[in-house]
Amino acid sequence: MRPNPYVYREYEYAPAITVCFKGCKRYRVTPVNDHGWYDGQCRFSGLAPSWGEFYEISGNTRDDMDPTPWITMAGSGTRHFHFYLRDEALEVKAQDWSMETKS
């Protein structure tokens, strides 16, 4: 993905960022947008750090509040990673994650 250098100055010279997930058990891309986020219509509105941030959810992950089916992978990770994009959210259950920048 392309970073926003206007918000995250440390990525000003990075044209791309790759986020990798180790031991991915399942993932899904849910239909949500920034308008829903700011109107309090998202599962984690008011609970998550902010729109566009990548974070890990612990405790009640509220999986049943979104009917989007999960895509199953071969991994066994159970940590829940979440990232709100512009018009959708990426959710991943995996062991760990890493990030690489391309210069």
PDB file of N, CA and C in Angstrom:
ATOM      1  N   MET A   1       0.841  -1.166   0.000  1.00  0.00           N
ATOM      2  CA  MET A   1       0.000   0.000   0.000  1.00  0.00           C
ATOM      3  C   MET A   1       0.893   1.238   0.000  1.00  0.00           C
ATOM      4  N   ARG A   2       0.327   2.355  -0.360  1.00  0.00           N
ATOM      5  CA  ARG A   2       1.080   3.605  -0.355  1.00  0.00           C
ATOM      6  C   ARG A   2       0.814   4.350   0.945  1.00  0.00           C
ATOM      7  N   PRO A   3       1.858   4.792   1.621  1.00  0.00           N
ATOM      8  CA  PRO A   3       1.678   5.540   2.865  1.00  0.00           C
ATOM      9  C   PRO A   3       1.242   6.975   2.585  1.00  0.00           C
ATOM     10  N   ASN A   4       0.656   7.616   3.588  1.00  0.00           N
ATOM     11  CA  ASN A   4       0.258   9.011   3.491  1.00  0.00           C
ATOM     12  C   ASN A   4       1.379   9.859   4.101  1.00  0.00           C
ATOM     13  N   PRO A   5       2.258  10.423   3.267  1.00  0.00           N
ATOM     14  CA  PRO A   5       3.387  11.181   3.798  1.00  0.00           C
ATOM     15  C   PRO A   5       2.984  12.505   4.433  1.00  0.00           C
ATOM     16  N   TYR A   6       1.762  12.959   4.190  1.00  0.00           N
ATOM     17  CA  TYR A   6       1.303  14.212   4.796  1.00  0.00           C
ATOM     18  C   TYR A   6       0.944  14.003   6.262  1.00  0.00           C
ATOM     19  N   VAL A   7       0.527  12.807   6.604  1.00  0.00           N
ATOM     20  CA  VAL A   7       0.175  12.486   7.989  1.00  0.00           C
ATOM     21  C   VAL A   7       1.347  11.807   8.687  1.00  0.00           C
ATOM     22  N   TYR A   8       2.065  10.938   7.955  1.00  0.00           N
ATOM     23  CA  TYR A   8       3.174  10.172   8.522  1.00  0.00           C
ATOM     24  C   TYR A   8       4.467  10.586   7.830  1.00  0.00           C
ATOM     25  N   ARG A   9       5.076  11.643   8.322  1.00  0.00           N
ATOM     26  CA  ARG A   9       6.278  12.226   7.693  1.00  0.00           C
ATOM     27  C   ARG A   9       7.436  11.233   7.573  1.00  0.00           C
ATOM     28  N   GLU A  10       7.501  10.256   8.468  1.00  0.00           N
ATOM     29  CA  GLU A  10       8.604   9.293   8.415  1.00  0.00           C
ATOM     30  C   GLU A  10       8.560   8.436   7.152  1.00  0.00           C
ATOM     31  N   TYR A  11       7.444   8.443   6.446  1.00  0.00           N
ATOM     32  CA  TYR A  11       7.310   7.657   5.213  1.00  0.00           C
ATOM     33  C   TYR A  11       7.324   8.532   3.956  1.00  0.00           C
ATOM     34  N   GLU A  12       7.831   9.735   4.094  1.00  0.00           N
ATOM     35  CA  GLU A  12       7.843  10.679   2.979  1.00  0.00           C
ATOM     36  C   GLU A  12       8.537  10.123   1.739  1.00  0.00           C
ATOM     37  N   TYR A  13       9.585   9.345   1.935  1.00  0.00           N
ATOM     38  CA  TYR A  13      10.348   8.813   0.798  1.00  0.00           C
ATOM     39  C   TYR A  13      10.108   7.323   0.561  1.00  0.00           C
ATOM     40  N   ALA A  14       9.082   6.784   1.172  1.00  0.00           N
ATOM     41  CA  ALA A  14       8.735   5.373   0.963  1.00  0.00           C
ATOM     42  C   ALA A  14       7.527   5.309   0.022  1.00  0.00           C
ATOM     43  N   PRO A  15       7.724   4.881  -1.220  1.00  0.00           N
ATOM     44  CA  PRO A  15       6.591   4.827  -2.146  1.00  0.00           C
ATOM     45  C   PRO A  15       5.607   3.692  -1.834  1.00  0.00           C
ATOM     46  N   ALA A  16       6.051   2.693  -1.061  1.00  0.00           N
ATOM     47  CA  ALA A  16       5.167   1.565  -0.755  1.00  0.00           C
ATOM     48  C   ALA A  16       5.529   0.946   0.589  1.00  0.00           C
ATOM     49  N   ILE A  17       4.509   0.405   1.230  1.00  0.00           N
ATOM     50  CA  ILE A  17       4.673  -0.334   2.485  1.00  0.00           C
ATOM     51  C   ILE A  17       4.026  -1.695   2.282  1.00  0.00           C
ATOM     52  N   THR A  18       4.711  -2.739   2.729  1.00  0.00           N
ATOM     53  CA  THR A  18       4.167  -4.089   2.674  1.00  0.00           C
ATOM     54  C   THR A  18       3.996  -4.586   4.104  1.00  0.00           C
ATOM     55  N   VAL A  19       2.783  -5.021   4.434  1.00  0.00           N
ATOM     56  CA  VAL A  19       2.511  -5.612   5.742  1.00  0.00           C
ATOM     57  C   VAL A  19       2.339  -7.108   5.530  1.00  0.00           C
ATOM     58  N   CYS A  20       3.126  -7.905   6.260  1.00  0.00           N
ATOM     59  CA  CYS A  20       3.087  -9.365   6.138  1.00  0.00           C
ATOM     60  C   CYS A  20       2.564  -9.962   7.441  1.00  0.00           C
ATOM     61  N   PHE A  21       1.804 -11.040   7.315  1.00  0.00           N
ATOM     62  CA  PHE A  21       1.251 -11.717   8.487  1.00  0.00           C
ATOM     63  C   PHE A  21       1.793 -13.137   8.555  1.00  0.00           C
ATOM     64  N   LYS A  22       2.328 -13.501   9.708  1.00  0.00           N
ATOM     65  CA  LYS A  22       2.884 -14.837   9.939  1.00  0.00           C
ATOM     66  C   LYS A  22       1.808 -15.716  10.576  1.00  0.00           C
ATOM     67  N   GLY A  23       1.680 -16.944  10.084  1.00  0.00           N
ATOM     68  CA  GLY A  23       0.740 -17.898  10.667  1.00  0.00           C
ATOM     69  C   GLY A  23      -0.711 -17.467  10.524  1.00  0.00           C
ATOM     70  N   CYS A  24      -1.050 -16.907   9.375  1.00  0.00           N
ATOM     71  CA  CYS A  24      -2.412 -16.405   9.155  1.00  0.00           C
ATOM     72  C   CYS A  24      -3.421 -17.560   9.174  1.00  0.00           C
ATOM     73  N   LYS A  25      -4.383 -17.459  10.067  1.00  0.00           N
ATOM     74  CA  LYS A  25      -5.437 -18.473  10.179  1.00  0.00           C
ATOM     75  C   LYS A  25      -6.637 -18.104   9.305  1.00  0.00           C
ATOM     76  N   ARG A  26      -6.972 -16.816   9.287  1.00  0.00           N
ATOM     77  CA  ARG A  26      -8.075 -16.363   8.454  1.00  0.00           C
ATOM     78  C   ARG A  26      -8.024 -14.839   8.329  1.00  0.00           C
ATOM     79  N   TYR A  27      -8.733 -14.350   7.303  1.00  0.00           N
ATOM     80  CA  TYR A  27      -8.811 -12.912   7.094  1.00  0.00           C
ATOM     81  C   TYR A  27     -10.116 -12.579   6.377  1.00  0.00           C
ATOM     82  N   ARG A  28     -10.458 -11.306   6.415  1.00  0.00           N
ATOM     83  CA  ARG A  28     -11.609 -10.823   5.660  1.00  0.00           C
ATOM     84  C   ARG A  28     -11.463  -9.323   5.427  1.00  0.00           C
ATOM     85  N   VAL A  29     -12.120  -8.866   4.378  1.00  0.00           N
ATOM     86  CA  VAL A  29     -12.183  -7.445   4.061  1.00  0.00           C
ATOM     87  C   VAL A  29     -13.652  -7.060   4.203  1.00  0.00           C
ATOM     88  N   THR A  30     -13.934  -6.182   5.141  1.00  0.00           N
ATOM     89  CA  THR A  30     -15.316  -5.817   5.434  1.00  0.00           C
ATOM     90  C   THR A  30     -15.679  -4.475   4.800  1.00  0.00           C
ATOM     91  N   PRO A  31     -16.930  -4.327   4.388  1.00  0.00           N
ATOM     92  CA  PRO A  31     -17.364  -3.084   3.750  1.00  0.00           C
ATOM     93  C   PRO A  31     -17.703  -2.005   4.778  1.00  0.00           C
ATOM     94  N   VAL A  32     -16.794  -1.099   4.992  1.00  0.00           N
ATOM     95  CA  VAL A  32     -17.017   0.019   5.911  1.00  0.00           C
ATOM     96  C   VAL A  32     -16.328   1.228   5.297  1.00  0.00           C
ATOM     97  N   ASN A  33     -16.780   2.409   5.641  1.00  0.00           N
ATOM     98  CA  ASN A  33     -16.122   3.590   5.108  1.00  0.00           C
ATOM     99  C   ASN A  33     -15.917   4.633   6.196  1.00  0.00           C
ATOM    100  N   ASP A  34     -15.182   5.663   5.866  1.00  0.00           N
ATOM    101  CA  ASP A  34     -14.855   6.681   6.857  1.00  0.00           C
ATOM    102  C   ASP A  34     -16.090   7.430   7.360  1.00  0.00           C
ATOM    103  N   HIS A  35     -17.123   7.560   6.536  1.00  0.00           N
ATOM    104  CA  HIS A  35     -18.349   8.223   6.984  1.00  0.00           C
ATOM    105  C   HIS A  35     -19.007   7.422   8.102  1.00  0.00           C
ATOM    106  N   GLY A  36     -19.069   6.101   7.938  1.00  0.00           N
ATOM    107  CA  GLY A  36     -19.626   5.242   8.980  1.00  0.00           C
ATOM    108  C   GLY A  36     -18.812   5.304  10.259  1.00  0.00           C
ATOM    109  N   TRP A  37     -17.495   5.349  10.113  1.00  0.00           N
ATOM    110  CA  TRP A  37     -16.602   5.444  11.269  1.00  0.00           C
ATOM    111  C   TRP A  37     -16.919   6.702  12.086  1.00  0.00           C
ATOM    112  N   TYR A  38     -16.941   7.840  11.411  1.00  0.00           N
ATOM    113  CA  TYR A  38     -17.161   9.098  12.116  1.00  0.00           C
ATOM    114  C   TYR A  38     -18.595   9.271  12.602  1.00  0.00           C
ATOM    115  N   ASP A  39     -19.542   8.536  12.017  1.00  0.00           N
ATOM    116  CA  ASP A  39     -20.923   8.572  12.478  1.00  0.00           C
ATOM    117  C   ASP A  39     -21.195   7.541  13.571  1.00  0.00           C
ATOM    118  N   GLY A  40     -20.156   6.809  14.004  1.00  0.00           N
ATOM    119  CA  GLY A  40     -20.302   5.829  15.073  1.00  0.00           C
ATOM    120  C   GLY A  40     -20.966   4.543  14.655  1.00  0.00           C
ATOM    121  N   GLN A  41     -20.933   4.204  13.358  1.00  0.00           N
ATOM    122  CA  GLN A  41     -21.600   3.027  12.845  1.00  0.00           C
ATOM    123  C   GLN A  41     -20.684   1.807  12.736  1.00  0.00           C
ATOM    124  N   CYS A  42     -19.429   1.933  13.059  1.00  0.00           N
ATOM    125  CA  CYS A  42     -18.481   0.819  12.943  1.00  0.00           C
ATOM    126  C   CYS A  42     -18.355   0.091  14.274  1.00  0.00           C
ATOM    127  N   ARG A  43     -17.963  -1.179  14.218  1.00  0.00           N
ATOM    128  CA  ARG A  43     -17.826  -1.992  15.431  1.00  0.00           C
ATOM    129  C   ARG A  43     -16.912  -1.361  16.469  1.00  0.00           C
ATOM    130  N   PHE A  44     -15.878  -0.696  16.000  1.00  0.00           N
ATOM    131  CA  PHE A  44     -14.882  -0.172  16.930  1.00  0.00           C
ATOM    132  C   PHE A  44     -14.837   1.354  16.968  1.00  0.00           C
ATOM    133  N   SER A  45     -15.863   2.020  16.422  1.00  0.00           N
ATOM    134  CA  SER A  45     -15.940   3.479  16.541  1.00  0.00           C
ATOM    135  C   SER A  45     -15.925   3.846  18.020  1.00  0.00           C
ATOM    136  N   GLY A  46     -15.086   4.773  18.377  1.00  0.00           N
ATOM    137  CA  GLY A  46     -14.993   5.195  19.767  1.00  0.00           C
ATOM    138  C   GLY A  46     -14.114   4.308  20.621  1.00  0.00           C
ATOM    139  N   LEU A  47     -13.736   3.129  20.112  1.00  0.00           N
ATOM    140  CA  LEU A  47     -12.877   2.212  20.865  1.00  0.00           C
ATOM    141  C   LEU A  47     -11.475   2.124  20.274  1.00  0.00           C
ATOM    142  N   ALA A  48     -11.389   2.168  18.960  1.00  0.00           N
ATOM    143  CA  ALA A  48     -10.095   2.043  18.272  1.00  0.00           C
ATOM    144  C   ALA A  48      -9.352   3.374  18.334  1.00  0.00           C
ATOM    145  N   PRO A  49      -8.037   3.330  18.172  1.00  0.00           N
ATOM    146  CA  PRO A  49      -7.246   4.572  18.259  1.00  0.00           C
ATOM    147  C   PRO A  49      -7.732   5.670  17.313  1.00  0.00           C
ATOM    148  N   SER A  50      -7.790   5.392  16.027  1.00  0.00           N
ATOM    149  CA  SER A  50      -8.272   6.385  15.070  1.00  0.00           C
ATOM    150  C   SER A  50      -8.420   5.746  13.697  1.00  0.00           C
ATOM    151  N   TRP A  51      -9.123   6.447  12.843  1.00  0.00           N
ATOM    152  CA  TRP A  51      -9.337   5.986  11.475  1.00  0.00           C
ATOM    153  C   TRP A  51      -7.987   5.883  10.762  1.00  0.00           C
ATOM    154  N   GLY A  52      -7.792   4.803   9.995  1.00  0.00           N
ATOM    155  CA  GLY A  52      -6.575   4.647   9.212  1.00  0.00           C
ATOM    156  C   GLY A  52      -5.399   4.071   9.970  1.00  0.00           C
ATOM    157  N   GLU A  53      -5.541   3.789  11.240  1.00  0.00           N
ATOM    158  CA  GLU A  53      -4.455   3.203  12.027  1.00  0.00           C
ATOM    159  C   GLU A  53      -4.538   1.681  11.969  1.00  0.00           C
ATOM    160  N   PHE A  54      -3.398   1.037  12.088  1.00  0.00           N
ATOM    161  CA  PHE A  54      -3.298  -0.418  12.151  1.00  0.00           C
ATOM    162  C   PHE A  54      -3.156  -0.772  13.620  1.00  0.00           C
ATOM    163  N   TYR A  55      -3.979  -1.689  14.113  1.00  0.00           N
ATOM    164  CA  TYR A  55      -3.903  -2.034  15.526  1.00  0.00           C
ATOM    165  C   TYR A  55      -4.313  -3.474  15.771  1.00  0.00           C
ATOM    166  N   GLU A  56      -4.058  -3.923  16.993  1.00  0.00           N
ATOM    167  CA  GLU A  56      -4.429  -5.273  17.413  1.00  0.00           C
ATOM    168  C   GLU A  56      -5.574  -5.184  18.408  1.00  0.00           C
ATOM    169  N   ILE A  57      -6.558  -6.062  18.231  1.00  0.00           N
ATOM    170  CA  ILE A  57      -7.715  -6.102  19.116  1.00  0.00           C
ATOM    171  C   ILE A  57      -7.517  -7.241  20.104  1.00  0.00           C
ATOM    172  N   SER A  58      -7.818  -6.998  21.364  1.00  0.00           N
ATOM    173  CA  SER A  58      -7.799  -8.067  22.356  1.00  0.00           C
ATOM    174  C   SER A  58      -9.124  -8.043  23.104  1.00  0.00           C
ATOM    175  N   GLY A  59      -9.429  -9.115  23.778  1.00  0.00           N
ATOM    176  CA  GLY A  59     -10.709  -9.194  24.470  1.00  0.00           C
ATOM    177  C   GLY A  59     -11.822  -9.546  23.489  1.00  0.00           C
ATOM    178  N   ASN A  60     -12.977  -8.905  23.638  1.00  0.00           N
ATOM    179  CA  ASN A  60     -14.120  -9.167  22.765  1.00  0.00           C
ATOM    180  C   ASN A  60     -13.865  -8.538  21.399  1.00  0.00           C
ATOM    181  N   THR A  61     -13.597  -9.368  20.397  1.00  0.00           N
ATOM    182  CA  THR A  61     -13.292  -8.854  19.061  1.00  0.00           C
ATOM    183  C   THR A  61     -14.543  -8.593  18.235  1.00  0.00           C
ATOM    184  N   ARG A  62     -15.708  -8.833  18.795  1.00  0.00           N
ATOM    185  CA  ARG A  62     -16.990  -8.505  18.168  1.00  0.00           C
ATOM    186  C   ARG A  62     -17.142  -9.098  16.760  1.00  0.00           C
ATOM    187  N   ASP A  63     -16.593 -10.275  16.541  1.00  0.00           N
ATOM    188  CA  ASP A  63     -16.646 -10.912  15.216  1.00  0.00           C
ATOM    189  C   ASP A  63     -18.072 -11.113  14.717  1.00  0.00           C
ATOM    190  N   ASP A  64     -18.993 -11.365  15.624  1.00  0.00           N
ATOM    191  CA  ASP A  64     -20.373 -11.637  15.223  1.00  0.00           C
ATOM    192  C   ASP A  64     -21.138 -10.386  14.798  1.00  0.00           C
ATOM    193  N   MET A  65     -20.551  -9.212  14.959  1.00  0.00           N
ATOM    194  CA  MET A  65     -21.229  -7.973  14.578  1.00  0.00           C
ATOM    195  C   MET A  65     -21.062  -7.648  13.092  1.00  0.00           C
ATOM    196  N   ASP A  66     -20.292  -8.438  12.382  1.00  0.00           N
ATOM    197  CA  ASP A  66     -20.117  -8.231  10.944  1.00  0.00           C
ATOM    198  C   ASP A  66     -20.344  -9.558  10.240  1.00  0.00           C
ATOM    199  N   PRO A  67     -21.289  -9.619   9.302  1.00  0.00           N
ATOM    200  CA  PRO A  67     -21.614 -10.878   8.632  1.00  0.00           C
ATOM    201  C   PRO A  67     -20.643 -11.288   7.521  1.00  0.00           C
ATOM    202  N   THR A  68     -19.653 -10.467   7.235  1.00  0.00           N
ATOM    203  CA  THR A  68     -18.704 -10.785   6.164  1.00  0.00           C
ATOM    204  C   THR A  68     -18.002 -12.100   6.475  1.00  0.00           C
ATOM    205  N   PRO A  69     -18.030 -13.064   5.541  1.00  0.00           N
ATOM    206  CA  PRO A  69     -17.372 -14.352   5.814  1.00  0.00           C
ATOM    207  C   PRO A  69     -15.847 -14.223   5.847  1.00  0.00           C
ATOM    208  N   TRP A  70     -15.232 -15.078   6.632  1.00  0.00           N
ATOM    209  CA  TRP A  70     -13.777 -15.140   6.730  1.00  0.00           C
ATOM    210  C   TRP A  70     -13.238 -16.056   5.627  1.00  0.00           C
ATOM    211  N   ILE A  71     -12.052 -15.753   5.157  1.00  0.00           N
ATOM    212  CA  ILE A  71     -11.336 -16.626   4.219  1.00  0.00           C
ATOM    213  C   ILE A  71     -10.313 -17.387   5.052  1.00  0.00           C
ATOM    214  N   THR A  72     -10.407 -18.706   5.039  1.00  0.00           N
ATOM    215  CA  THR A  72      -9.571 -19.555   5.876  1.00  0.00           C
ATOM    216  C   THR A  72      -8.225 -19.835   5.225  1.00  0.00           C
ATOM    217  N   MET A  73      -7.185 -19.780   6.044  1.00  0.00           N
ATOM    218  CA  MET A  73      -5.816 -20.066   5.611  1.00  0.00           C
ATOM    219  C   MET A  73      -5.281 -21.240   6.438  1.00  0.00           C
ATOM    220  N   ALA A  74      -4.051 -21.639   6.191  1.00  0.00           N
ATOM    221  CA  ALA A  74      -3.476 -22.814   6.846  1.00  0.00           C
ATOM    222  C   ALA A  74      -2.836 -22.531   8.209  1.00  0.00           C
ATOM    223  N   GLY A  75      -2.689 -21.268   8.580  1.00  0.00           N
ATOM    224  CA  GLY A  75      -2.015 -20.928   9.833  1.00  0.00           C
ATOM    225  C   GLY A  75      -2.851 -21.215  11.065  1.00  0.00           C
ATOM    226  N   SER A  76      -2.245 -20.952  12.231  1.00  0.00           N
ATOM    227  CA  SER A  76      -2.942 -21.225  13.487  1.00  0.00           C
ATOM    228  C   SER A  76      -2.978 -20.003  14.405  1.00  0.00           C
ATOM    229  N   GLY A  77      -2.635 -18.833  13.891  1.00  0.00           N
ATOM    230  CA  GLY A  77      -2.601 -17.633  14.720  1.00  0.00           C
ATOM    231  C   GLY A  77      -3.970 -17.189  15.184  1.00  0.00           C
ATOM    232  N   THR A  78      -4.013 -16.610  16.380  1.00  0.00           N
ATOM    233  CA  THR A  78      -5.283 -16.163  16.951  1.00  0.00           C
ATOM    234  C   THR A  78      -5.292 -14.673  17.304  1.00  0.00           C
ATOM    235  N   ARG A  79      -4.155 -14.002  17.136  1.00  0.00           N
ATOM    236  CA  ARG A  79      -4.139 -12.562  17.399  1.00  0.00           C
ATOM    237  C   ARG A  79      -4.972 -11.874  16.317  1.00  0.00           C
ATOM    238  N   HIS A  80      -5.727 -10.861  16.699  1.00  0.00           N
ATOM    239  CA  HIS A  80      -6.659 -10.195  15.784  1.00  0.00           C
ATOM    240  C   HIS A  80      -6.104  -8.813  15.420  1.00  0.00           C
ATOM    241  N   PHE A  81      -5.705  -8.677  14.150  1.00  0.00           N
ATOM    242  CA  PHE A  81      -5.182  -7.414  13.646  1.00  0.00           C
ATOM    243  C   PHE A  81      -6.244  -6.747  12.791  1.00  0.00           C
ATOM    244  N   HIS A  82      -6.322  -5.433  12.865  1.00  0.00           N
ATOM    245  CA  HIS A  82      -7.394  -4.695  12.207  1.00  0.00           C
ATOM    246  C   HIS A  82      -6.831  -3.409  11.608  1.00  0.00           C
ATOM    247  N   PHE A  83      -7.260  -3.092  10.383  1.00  0.00           N
ATOM    248  CA  PHE A  83      -6.797  -1.886   9.725  1.00  0.00           C
ATOM    249  C   PHE A  83      -7.938  -1.285   8.912  1.00  0.00           C
ATOM    250  N   TYR A  84      -8.364  -0.085   9.284  1.00  0.00           N
ATOM    251  CA  TYR A  84      -9.390   0.614   8.512  1.00  0.00           C
ATOM    252  C   TYR A  84      -8.738   1.306   7.329  1.00  0.00           C
ATOM    253  N   LEU A  85      -9.193   0.939   6.142  1.00  0.00           N
ATOM    254  CA  LEU A  85      -8.746   1.571   4.913  1.00  0.00           C
ATOM    255  C   LEU A  85      -9.784   2.635   4.537  1.00  0.00           C
ATOM    256  N   ARG A  86      -9.715   3.177   3.360  1.00  0.00           N
ATOM    257  CA  ARG A  86     -10.648   4.242   2.985  1.00  0.00           C
ATOM    258  C   ARG A  86     -12.102   3.782   2.952  1.00  0.00           C
ATOM    259  N   ASP A  87     -12.386   2.716   2.236  1.00  0.00           N
ATOM    260  CA  ASP A  87     -13.765   2.263   2.084  1.00  0.00           C
ATOM    261  C   ASP A  87     -13.983   0.826   2.533  1.00  0.00           C
ATOM    262  N   GLU A  88     -13.057   0.297   3.313  1.00  0.00           N
ATOM    263  CA  GLU A  88     -13.184  -1.064   3.805  1.00  0.00           C
ATOM    264  C   GLU A  88     -12.200  -1.267   4.951  1.00  0.00           C
ATOM    265  N   ALA A  89     -12.343  -2.378   5.635  1.00  0.00           N
ATOM    266  CA  ALA A  89     -11.425  -2.707   6.725  1.00  0.00           C
ATOM    267  C   ALA A  89     -10.836  -4.088   6.472  1.00  0.00           C
ATOM    268  N   LEU A  90      -9.583  -4.267   6.812  1.00  0.00           N
ATOM    269  CA  LEU A  90      -8.902  -5.557   6.711  1.00  0.00           C
ATOM    270  C   LEU A  90      -8.791  -6.120   8.120  1.00  0.00           C
ATOM    271  N   GLU A  91      -9.261  -7.341   8.296  1.00  0.00           N
ATOM    272  CA  GLU A  91      -9.136  -8.041   9.571  1.00  0.00           C
ATOM    273  C   GLU A  91      -8.350  -9.313   9.332  1.00  0.00           C
ATOM    274  N   VAL A  92      -7.394  -9.584  10.191  1.00  0.00           N
ATOM    275  CA  VAL A  92      -6.542 -10.761  10.042  1.00  0.00           C
ATOM    276  C   VAL A  92      -6.364 -11.426  11.400  1.00  0.00           C
ATOM    277  N   LYS A  93      -6.527 -12.750  11.428  1.00  0.00           N
ATOM    278  CA  LYS A  93      -6.199 -13.547  12.620  1.00  0.00           C
ATOM    279  C   LYS A  93      -4.893 -14.264  12.281  1.00  0.00           C
ATOM    280  N   ALA A  94      -3.822 -13.911  12.980  1.00  0.00           N
ATOM    281  CA  ALA A  94      -2.495 -14.454  12.669  1.00  0.00           C
ATOM    282  C   ALA A  94      -1.646 -14.500  13.938  1.00  0.00           C
ATOM    283  N   GLN A  95      -0.454 -15.090  13.814  1.00  0.00           N
ATOM    284  CA  GLN A  95       0.473 -15.170  14.950  1.00  0.00           C
ATOM    285  C   GLN A  95       1.183 -13.847  15.177  1.00  0.00           C
ATOM    286  N   ASP A  96       1.569 -13.187  14.084  1.00  0.00           N
ATOM    287  CA  ASP A  96       2.358 -11.962  14.205  1.00  0.00           C
ATOM    288  C   ASP A  96       2.319 -11.215  12.882  1.00  0.00           C
ATOM    289  N   TRP A  97       2.918 -10.045  12.842  1.00  0.00           N
ATOM    290  CA  TRP A  97       2.975  -9.258  11.621  1.00  0.00           C
ATOM    291  C   TRP A  97       4.322  -8.558  11.534  1.00  0.00           C
ATOM    292  N   SER A  98       4.667  -8.133  10.343  1.00  0.00           N
ATOM    293  CA  SER A  98       5.878  -7.349  10.117  1.00  0.00           C
ATOM    294  C   SER A  98       5.599  -6.356   8.987  1.00  0.00           C
ATOM    295  N   MET A  99       6.423  -5.339   8.908  1.00  0.00           N
ATOM    296  CA  MET A  99       6.243  -4.321   7.874  1.00  0.00           C
ATOM    297  C   MET A  99       7.569  -4.031   7.193  1.00  0.00           C
ATOM    298  N   GLU A 100       7.496  -3.859   5.884  1.00  0.00           N
ATOM    299  CA  GLU A 100       8.677  -3.498   5.098  1.00  0.00           C
ATOM    300  C   GLU A 100       8.347  -2.251   4.303  1.00  0.00           C
ATOM    301  N   THR A 101       9.305  -1.358   4.184  1.00  0.00           N
ATOM    302  CA  THR A 101       9.121  -0.188   3.325  1.00  0.00           C
ATOM    303  C   THR A 101       9.979  -0.358   2.075  1.00  0.00           C
ATOM    304  N   LYS A 102       9.464   0.088   0.974  1.00  0.00           N
ATOM    305  CA  LYS A 102      10.197   0.056  -0.288  1.00  0.00           C
ATOM    306  C   LYS A 102      10.665   1.467  -0.583  1.00  0.00           C
ATOM    307  N   SER A 103      11.946   1.632  -0.814  1.00  0.00           N
ATOM    308  CA  SER A 103      12.486   2.973  -1.102  1.00  0.00           C
ATOM    309  C   SER A 103      12.722   3.145  -2.572  1.00  0.00           C
TER     310      SER A 103
END
